[in-house]
PDB file of all heavy atoms in Angstrom:
ATOM      1  N   VAL A   1     163.228  20.740  64.002  1.00  0.00           N
ATOM      2  CA  VAL A   1     163.829  19.734  64.889  1.00  0.00           C
ATOM      3  C   VAL A   1     164.782  18.911  64.040  1.00  0.00           C
ATOM      4  O   VAL A   1     164.380  18.333  63.022  1.00  0.00           O
ATOM      5  CB  VAL A   1     162.772  18.823  65.528  1.00  0.00           C
ATOM      6  CG1 VAL A   1     163.458  17.789  66.433  1.00  0.00           C
ATOM      7  CG2 VAL A   1     161.770  19.642  66.337  1.00  0.00           C
ATOM      8  N   ILE A   2     166.043  18.846  64.469  1.00  0.00           N
ATOM      9  CA  ILE A   2     167.078  18.179  63.672  1.00  0.00           C
ATOM     10  C   ILE A   2     167.726  17.062  64.481  1.00  0.00           C
ATOM     11  O   ILE A   2     168.247  17.317  65.575  1.00  0.00           O
ATOM     12  CB  ILE A   2     168.175  19.171  63.237  1.00  0.00           C
ATOM     13  CG1 ILE A   2     167.575  20.421  62.614  1.00  0.00           C
ATOM     14  CG2 ILE A   2     169.152  18.502  62.265  1.00  0.00           C
ATOM     15  CD1 ILE A   2     168.579  21.554  62.444  1.00  0.00           C
ATOM     16  N   ASN A   3     167.728  15.862  63.946  1.00  0.00           N
ATOM     17  CA  ASN A   3     168.457  14.769  64.587  1.00  0.00           C
ATOM     18  C   ASN A   3     169.864  14.678  64.011  1.00  0.00           C
ATOM     19  O   ASN A   3     170.042  14.472  62.812  1.00  0.00           O
ATOM     20  CB  ASN A   3     167.756  13.431  64.377  1.00  0.00           C
ATOM     21  CG  ASN A   3     168.589  12.273  64.930  1.00  0.00           C
ATOM     22  OD1 ASN A   3     169.163  12.382  66.008  1.00  0.00           O
ATOM     23  ND2 ASN A   3     168.659  11.188  64.183  1.00  0.00           N
ATOM     24  N   VAL A   4     170.869  14.823  64.883  1.00  0.00           N
ATOM     25  CA  VAL A   4     172.262  14.625  64.472  1.00  0.00           C
ATOM     26  C   VAL A   4     172.893  13.506  65.290  1.00  0.00           C
ATOM     27  O   VAL A   4     174.096  13.275  65.209  1.00  0.00           O
ATOM     28  CB  VAL A   4     173.091  15.923  64.630  1.00  0.00           C
ATOM     29  CG1 VAL A   4     172.509  17.040  63.790  1.00  0.00           C
ATOM     30  CG2 VAL A   4     173.184  16.351  66.093  1.00  0.00           C
ATOM     31  N   SER A   5     172.062  12.817  66.099  1.00  0.00           N
ATOM     32  CA  SER A   5     172.558  11.729  66.933  1.00  0.00           C
ATOM     33  C   SER A   5     172.678  10.452  66.096  1.00  0.00           C
ATOM     34  O   SER A   5     172.361  10.436  64.912  1.00  0.00           O
ATOM     35  CB  SER A   5     171.605  11.486  68.108  1.00  0.00           C
ATOM     36  OG  SER A   5     170.430  10.826  67.663  1.00  0.00           O
ATOM     37  N   THR A   6     173.103   9.371  66.736  1.00  0.00           N
ATOM     38  CA  THR A   6     173.256   8.094  66.031  1.00  0.00           C
ATOM     39  C   THR A   6     171.959   7.291  65.996  1.00  0.00           C
ATOM     40  O   THR A   6     171.921   6.208  65.405  1.00  0.00           O
ATOM     41  CB  THR A   6     174.350   7.236  66.696  1.00  0.00           C
ATOM     42  OG1 THR A   6     174.030   7.072  68.082  1.00  0.00           O
ATOM     43  CG2 THR A   6     175.705   7.890  66.559  1.00  0.00           C
ATOM     44  N   LYS A   7     170.912   7.792  66.611  1.00  0.00           N
ATOM     45  CA  LYS A   7     169.630   7.085  66.571  1.00  0.00           C
ATOM     46  C   LYS A   7     169.099   7.080  65.141  1.00  0.00           C
ATOM     47  O   LYS A   7     169.020   8.120  64.497  1.00  0.00           O
ATOM     48  CB  LYS A   7     168.627   7.746  67.502  1.00  0.00           C
ATOM     49  CG  LYS A   7     168.961   7.576  68.975  1.00  0.00           C
ATOM     50  CD  LYS A   7     167.983   8.340  69.838  1.00  0.00           C
ATOM     51  CE  LYS A   7     168.394   8.283  71.299  1.00  0.00           C
ATOM     52  NZ  LYS A   7     167.553   9.149  72.142  1.00  0.00           N
ATOM     53  N   GLY A   8     168.757   5.894  64.671  1.00  0.00           N
ATOM     54  CA  GLY A   8     168.302   5.744  63.299  1.00  0.00           C
ATOM     55  C   GLY A   8     169.410   5.370  62.337  1.00  0.00           C
ATOM     56  O   GLY A   8     169.156   5.020  61.186  1.00  0.00           O
ATOM     57  N   ALA A   9     170.658   5.464  62.815  1.00  0.00           N
ATOM     58  CA  ALA A   9     171.808   5.124  61.971  1.00  0.00           C
ATOM     59  C   ALA A   9     172.065   3.628  62.022  1.00  0.00           C
ATOM     60  O   ALA A   9     171.479   2.892  62.820  1.00  0.00           O
ATOM     61  CB  ALA A   9     173.050   5.885  62.441  1.00  0.00           C
ATOM     62  N   ALA A  10     172.961   3.159  61.176  1.00  0.00           N
ATOM     63  CA  ALA A  10     173.323   1.748  61.174  1.00  0.00           C
ATOM     64  C   ALA A  10     173.933   1.376  62.517  1.00  0.00           C
ATOM     65  O   ALA A  10     174.546   2.202  63.189  1.00  0.00           O
ATOM     66  CB  ALA A  10     174.308   1.473  60.048  1.00  0.00           C
ATOM     67  N   GLY A  11     173.757   0.142  62.912  1.00  0.00           N
ATOM     68  CA  GLY A  11     174.318  -0.311  64.169  1.00  0.00           C
ATOM     69  C   GLY A  11     173.244  -0.528  65.217  1.00  0.00           C
ATOM     70  O   GLY A  11     172.067  -0.734  64.900  1.00  0.00           O
ATOM     71  N   ALA A  12     173.627  -0.454  66.468  1.00  0.00           N
ATOM     72  CA  ALA A  12     172.725  -0.788  67.575  1.00  0.00           C
ATOM     73  C   ALA A  12     171.487   0.101  67.633  1.00  0.00           C
ATOM     74  O   ALA A  12     170.422  -0.332  68.070  1.00  0.00           O
ATOM     75  CB  ALA A  12     173.488  -0.703  68.897  1.00  0.00           C
ATOM     76  N   PHE A  13     171.616   1.361  67.176  1.00  0.00           N
ATOM     77  CA  PHE A  13     170.505   2.298  67.315  1.00  0.00           C
ATOM     78  C   PHE A  13     169.661   2.441  66.049  1.00  0.00           C
ATOM     79  O   PHE A  13     168.838   3.346  65.945  1.00  0.00           O
ATOM     80  CB  PHE A  13     171.040   3.677  67.719  1.00  0.00           C
ATOM     81  CG  PHE A  13     171.631   3.713  69.098  1.00  0.00           C
ATOM     82  CD1 PHE A  13     173.009   3.689  69.268  1.00  0.00           C
ATOM     83  CD2 PHE A  13     170.824   3.749  70.218  1.00  0.00           C
ATOM     84  CE1 PHE A  13     173.557   3.723  70.544  1.00  0.00           C
ATOM     85  CE2 PHE A  13     171.352   3.779  71.497  1.00  0.00           C
ATOM     86  CZ  PHE A  13     172.735   3.755  71.660  1.00  0.00           C
ATOM     87  N   LYS A  14     169.858   1.574  65.090  1.00  0.00           N
ATOM     88  CA  LYS A  14     169.217   1.711  63.782  1.00  0.00           C
ATOM     89  C   LYS A  14     167.696   1.798  63.843  1.00  0.00           C
ATOM     90  O   LYS A  14     167.071   2.565  63.105  1.00  0.00           O
ATOM     91  CB  LYS A  14     169.633   0.541  62.883  1.00  0.00           C
ATOM     92  CG  LYS A  14     169.060   0.629  61.476  1.00  0.00           C
ATOM     93  CD  LYS A  14     169.540  -0.535  60.611  1.00  0.00           C
ATOM     94  CE  LYS A  14     168.975  -0.432  59.200  1.00  0.00           C
ATOM     95  NZ  LYS A  14     169.413  -1.554  58.345  1.00  0.00           N
ATOM     96  N   GLU A  15     167.058   1.012  64.713  1.00  0.00           N
ATOM     97  CA  GLU A  15     165.596   0.942  64.749  1.00  0.00           C
ATOM     98  C   GLU A  15     164.965   1.950  65.692  1.00  0.00           C
ATOM     99  O   GLU A  15     163.744   1.982  65.837  1.00  0.00           O
ATOM    100  CB  GLU A  15     165.165  -0.475  65.167  1.00  0.00           C
ATOM    101  CG  GLU A  15     165.728  -1.586  64.302  1.00  0.00           C
ATOM    102  CD  GLU A  15     165.284  -1.488  62.858  1.00  0.00           C
ATOM    103  OE1 GLU A  15     164.153  -1.017  62.623  1.00  0.00           O
ATOM    104  OE2 GLU A  15     166.071  -1.860  61.955  1.00  0.00           O
ATOM    105  N   TYR A  16     165.774   2.806  66.307  1.00  0.00           N
ATOM    106  CA  TYR A  16     165.249   3.747  67.296  1.00  0.00           C
ATOM    107  C   TYR A  16     164.936   5.113  66.685  1.00  0.00           C
ATOM    108  O   TYR A  16     165.593   5.558  65.746  1.00  0.00           O
ATOM    109  CB  TYR A  16     166.256   3.952  68.422  1.00  0.00           C
ATOM    110  CG  TYR A  16     166.453   2.753  69.327  1.00  0.00           C
ATOM    111  CD1 TYR A  16     167.456   1.827  69.089  1.00  0.00           C
ATOM    112  CD2 TYR A  16     165.630   2.551  70.431  1.00  0.00           C
ATOM    113  CE1 TYR A  16     167.645   0.729  69.918  1.00  0.00           C
ATOM    114  CE2 TYR A  16     165.803   1.463  71.274  1.00  0.00           C
ATOM    115  CZ  TYR A  16     166.818   0.561  71.016  1.00  0.00           C
ATOM    116  OH  TYR A  16     167.005  -0.515  71.839  1.00  0.00           O
ATOM    117  N   SER A  17     163.949   5.783  67.273  1.00  0.00           N
ATOM    118  CA  SER A  17     163.638   7.157  66.889  1.00  0.00           C
ATOM    119  C   SER A  17     164.459   8.109  67.742  1.00  0.00           C
ATOM    120  O   SER A  17     164.730   7.847  68.920  1.00  0.00           O
ATOM    121  CB  SER A  17     162.155   7.455  67.093  1.00  0.00           C
ATOM    122  OG  SER A  17     161.903   8.845  66.966  1.00  0.00           O
ATOM    123  N   ALA A  18     164.815   9.249  67.146  1.00  0.00           N
ATOM    124  CA  ALA A  18     165.619  10.240  67.865  1.00  0.00           C
ATOM    125  C   ALA A  18     164.811  11.020  68.891  1.00  0.00           C
ATOM    126  O   ALA A  18     165.383  11.712  69.738  1.00  0.00           O
ATOM    127  CB  ALA A  18     166.235  11.213  66.854  1.00  0.00           C
ATOM    128  N   LEU A  19     163.489  10.914  68.859  1.00  0.00           N
ATOM    129  CA  LEU A  19     162.656  11.726  69.747  1.00  0.00           C
ATOM    130  C   LEU A  19     162.559  11.203  71.172  1.00  0.00           C
ATOM    131  O   LEU A  19     162.085  11.912  72.056  1.00  0.00           O
ATOM    132  CB  LEU A  19     161.236  11.830  69.178  1.00  0.00           C
ATOM    133  CG  LEU A  19     160.972  12.942  68.161  1.00  0.00           C
ATOM    134  CD1 LEU A  19     159.514  12.911  67.723  1.00  0.00           C
ATOM    135  CD2 LEU A  19     161.350  14.307  68.712  1.00  0.00           C
ATOM    136  N   ALA A  20     163.007   9.969  71.398  1.00  0.00           N
ATOM    137  CA  ALA A  20     162.858   9.378  72.728  1.00  0.00           C
ATOM    138  C   ALA A  20     164.136   8.654  73.139  1.00  0.00           C
ATOM    139  O   ALA A  20     164.941   8.271  72.291  1.00  0.00           O
ATOM    140  CB  ALA A  20     161.680   8.414  72.739  1.00  0.00           C
ATOM    141  N   PRO A  21     164.319   8.451  74.452  1.00  0.00           N
ATOM    142  CA  PRO A  21     165.496   7.720  74.930  1.00  0.00           C
ATOM    143  C   PRO A  21     165.536   6.306  74.355  1.00  0.00           C
ATOM    144  O   PRO A  21     164.505   5.705  74.071  1.00  0.00           O
ATOM    145  CB  PRO A  21     165.298   7.685  76.449  1.00  0.00           C
ATOM    146  CG  PRO A  21     164.410   8.850  76.745  1.00  0.00           C
ATOM    147  CD  PRO A  21     163.482   8.948  75.561  1.00  0.00           C
ATOM    148  N   ALA A  22     166.753   5.789  74.193  1.00  0.00           N
ATOM    149  CA  ALA A  22     166.941   4.441  73.635  1.00  0.00           C
ATOM    150  C   ALA A  22     167.710   3.588  74.632  1.00  0.00           C
ATOM    151  O   ALA A  22     168.807   3.947  75.046  1.00  0.00           O
ATOM    152  CB  ALA A  22     167.693   4.519  72.317  1.00  0.00           C
ATOM    153  N   SER A  23     167.121   2.458  74.987  1.00  0.00           N
ATOM    154  CA  SER A  23     167.779   1.531  75.909  1.00  0.00           C
ATOM    155  C   SER A  23     168.342   0.358  75.124  1.00  0.00           C
ATOM    156  O   SER A  23     167.688  -0.179  74.228  1.00  0.00           O
ATOM    157  CB  SER A  23     166.778   1.011  76.949  1.00  0.00           C
ATOM    158  OG  SER A  23     166.254   2.083  77.721  1.00  0.00           O
ATOM    159  N   LEU A  24     169.563  -0.017  75.455  1.00  0.00           N
ATOM    160  CA  LEU A  24     170.192  -1.180  74.838  1.00  0.00           C
ATOM    161  C   LEU A  24     170.179  -2.332  75.829  1.00  0.00           C
ATOM    162  O   LEU A  24     170.170  -2.115  77.039  1.00  0.00           O
ATOM    163  CB  LEU A  24     171.634  -0.838  74.427  1.00  0.00           C
ATOM    164  CG  LEU A  24     171.776   0.173  73.286  1.00  0.00           C
ATOM    165  CD1 LEU A  24     173.249   0.463  73.027  1.00  0.00           C
ATOM    166  CD2 LEU A  24     171.104  -0.334  72.016  1.00  0.00           C
ATOM    167  N   PRO A  25     170.162  -3.597  75.338  1.00  0.00           N
ATOM    168  CA  PRO A  25     170.278  -4.007  73.938  1.00  0.00           C
ATOM    169  C   PRO A  25     169.021  -3.695  73.133  1.00  0.00           C
ATOM    170  O   PRO A  25     167.965  -3.422  73.704  1.00  0.00           O
ATOM    171  CB  PRO A  25     170.513  -5.514  74.044  1.00  0.00           C
ATOM    172  CG  PRO A  25     169.821  -5.907  75.308  1.00  0.00           C
ATOM    173  CD  PRO A  25     170.054  -4.756  76.253  1.00  0.00           C
ATOM    174  N   ALA A  26     169.171  -3.744  71.803  1.00  0.00           N
ATOM    175  CA  ALA A  26     168.072  -3.381  70.914  1.00  0.00           C
ATOM    176  C   ALA A  26     167.080  -4.529  70.785  1.00  0.00           C
ATOM    177  O   ALA A  26     166.900  -5.124  69.713  1.00  0.00           O
ATOM    178  CB  ALA A  26     168.620  -2.986  69.544  1.00  0.00           C
ATOM    179  N   THR A  27     166.406  -4.849  71.873  1.00  0.00           N
ATOM    180  CA  THR A  27     165.393  -5.901  71.864  1.00  0.00           C
ATOM    181  C   THR A  27     164.092  -5.342  71.298  1.00  0.00           C
ATOM    182  O   THR A  27     163.872  -4.125  71.291  1.00  0.00           O
ATOM    183  CB  THR A  27     165.136  -6.417  73.284  1.00  0.00           C
ATOM    184  OG1 THR A  27     164.641  -5.317  74.079  1.00  0.00           O
ATOM    185  CG2 THR A  27     166.413  -6.949  73.917  1.00  0.00           C
ATOM    186  N   PRO A  28     163.202  -6.213  70.801  1.00  0.00           N
ATOM    187  CA  PRO A  28     161.904  -5.730  70.305  1.00  0.00           C
ATOM    188  C   PRO A  28     161.167  -4.896  71.346  1.00  0.00           C
ATOM    189  O   PRO A  28     160.514  -3.902  71.011  1.00  0.00           O
ATOM    190  CB  PRO A  28     161.157  -7.023  69.969  1.00  0.00           C
ATOM    191  CG  PRO A  28     162.246  -7.996  69.636  1.00  0.00           C
ATOM    192  CD  PRO A  28     163.373  -7.662  70.567  1.00  0.00           C
ATOM    193  N   GLU A  29     161.285  -5.288  72.607  1.00  0.00           N
ATOM    194  CA  GLU A  29     160.595  -4.564  73.680  1.00  0.00           C
ATOM    195  C   GLU A  29     161.162  -3.157  73.848  1.00  0.00           C
ATOM    196  O   GLU A  29     160.398  -2.180  73.970  1.00  0.00           O
ATOM    197  CB  GLU A  29     160.718  -5.338  75.001  1.00  0.00           C
ATOM    198  CG  GLU A  29     159.991  -6.671  75.037  1.00  0.00           C
ATOM    199  CD  GLU A  29     160.719  -7.776  74.286  1.00  0.00           C
ATOM    200  OE1 GLU A  29     161.930  -7.595  73.993  1.00  0.00           O
ATOM    201  OE2 GLU A  29     160.099  -8.811  73.994  1.00  0.00           O
ATOM    202  N   ASN A  30     162.498  -3.044  73.856  1.00  0.00           N
ATOM    203  CA  ASN A  30     163.128  -1.726  74.027  1.00  0.00           C
ATOM    204  C   ASN A  30     162.855  -0.817  72.832  1.00  0.00           C
ATOM    205  O   ASN A  30     162.636   0.390  72.985  1.00  0.00           O
ATOM    206  CB  ASN A  30     164.632  -1.883  74.233  1.00  0.00           C
ATOM    207  CG  ASN A  30     164.987  -2.357  75.620  1.00  0.00           C
ATOM    208  OD1 ASN A  30     164.206  -2.184  76.559  1.00  0.00           O
ATOM    209  ND2 ASN A  30     166.160  -2.948  75.775  1.00  0.00           N
ATOM    210  N   ILE A  31     162.892  -1.397  71.637  1.00  0.00           N
ATOM    211  CA  ILE A  31     162.617  -0.608  70.429  1.00  0.00           C
ATOM    212  C   ILE A  31     161.178  -0.115  70.436  1.00  0.00           C
ATOM    213  O   ILE A  31     160.898   1.054  70.157  1.00  0.00           O
ATOM    214  CB  ILE A  31     162.908  -1.435  69.164  1.00  0.00           C
ATOM    215  CG1 ILE A  31     164.415  -1.719  69.049  1.00  0.00           C
ATOM    216  CG2 ILE A  31     162.410  -0.699  67.918  1.00  0.00           C
ATOM    217  CD1 ILE A  31     164.769  -2.709  67.955  1.00  0.00           C
ATOM    218  N   GLN A  32     160.241  -1.009  70.775  1.00  0.00           N
ATOM    219  CA  GLN A  32     158.832  -0.633  70.786  1.00  0.00           C
ATOM    220  C   GLN A  32     158.556   0.455  71.823  1.00  0.00           C
ATOM    221  O   GLN A  32     157.770   1.381  71.573  1.00  0.00           O
ATOM    222  CB  GLN A  32     157.965  -1.862  71.085  1.00  0.00           C
ATOM    223  CG  GLN A  32     156.467  -1.588  71.007  1.00  0.00           C
ATOM    224  CD  GLN A  32     156.057  -0.963  69.688  1.00  0.00           C
ATOM    225  OE1 GLN A  32     156.517  -1.372  68.633  1.00  0.00           O
ATOM    226  NE2 GLN A  32     155.181   0.038  69.737  1.00  0.00           N
ATOM    227  N   LYS A  33     159.201   0.367  72.967  1.00  0.00           N
ATOM    228  CA  LYS A  33     159.033   1.392  74.007  1.00  0.00           C
ATOM    229  C   LYS A  33     159.508   2.744  73.491  1.00  0.00           C
ATOM    230  O   LYS A  33     158.851   3.772  73.700  1.00  0.00           O
ATOM    231  CB  LYS A  33     159.827   0.994  75.258  1.00  0.00           C
ATOM    232  CG  LYS A  33     159.709   2.002  76.395  1.00  0.00           C
ATOM    233  CD  LYS A  33     160.539   1.562  77.595  1.00  0.00           C
ATOM    234  CE  LYS A  33     160.452   2.602  78.719  1.00  0.00           C
ATOM    235  NZ  LYS A  33     161.282   2.212  79.886  1.00  0.00           N
ATOM    236  N   ASN A  34     160.659   2.742  72.806  1.00  0.00           N
ATOM    237  CA  ASN A  34     161.198   3.980  72.241  1.00  0.00           C
ATOM    238  C   ASN A  34     160.243   4.566  71.197  1.00  0.00           C
ATOM    239  O   ASN A  34     159.936   5.771  71.211  1.00  0.00           O
ATOM    240  CB  ASN A  34     162.560   3.711  71.609  1.00  0.00           C
ATOM    241  CG  ASN A  34     163.020   4.804  70.663  1.00  0.00           C
ATOM    242  OD1 ASN A  34     162.758   4.715  69.465  1.00  0.00           O
ATOM    243  ND2 ASN A  34     163.701   5.808  71.189  1.00  0.00           N
ATOM    244  N   LEU A  35     159.750   3.722  70.289  1.00  0.00           N
ATOM    245  CA  LEU A  35     158.894   4.209  69.206  1.00  0.00           C
ATOM    246  C   LEU A  35     157.553   4.707  69.735  1.00  0.00           C
ATOM    247  O   LEU A  35     156.997   5.687  69.225  1.00  0.00           O
ATOM    248  CB  LEU A  35     158.676   3.097  68.179  1.00  0.00           C
ATOM    249  CG  LEU A  35     159.928   2.632  67.417  1.00  0.00           C
ATOM    250  CD1 LEU A  35     159.575   1.507  66.447  1.00  0.00           C
ATOM    251  CD2 LEU A  35     160.574   3.794  66.675  1.00  0.00           C
ATOM    252  N   ALA A  36     157.032   4.038  70.759  1.00  0.00           N
ATOM    253  CA  ALA A  36     155.759   4.465  71.337  1.00  0.00           C
ATOM    254  C   ALA A  36     155.895   5.833  71.990  1.00  0.00           C
ATOM    255  O   ALA A  36     155.047   6.726  71.810  1.00  0.00           O
ATOM    256  CB  ALA A  36     155.271   3.434  72.345  1.00  0.00           C
TER     257      ALA A  36
END
């Protein structure tokens, strides 16, 4: 499994995992939902 997306990169998606959808803005709630 290879992540080539911007998830995990610097910027708005830095704290998100590539395995799940990411909702912006990057609030603690949205990040936690993604990581869970």
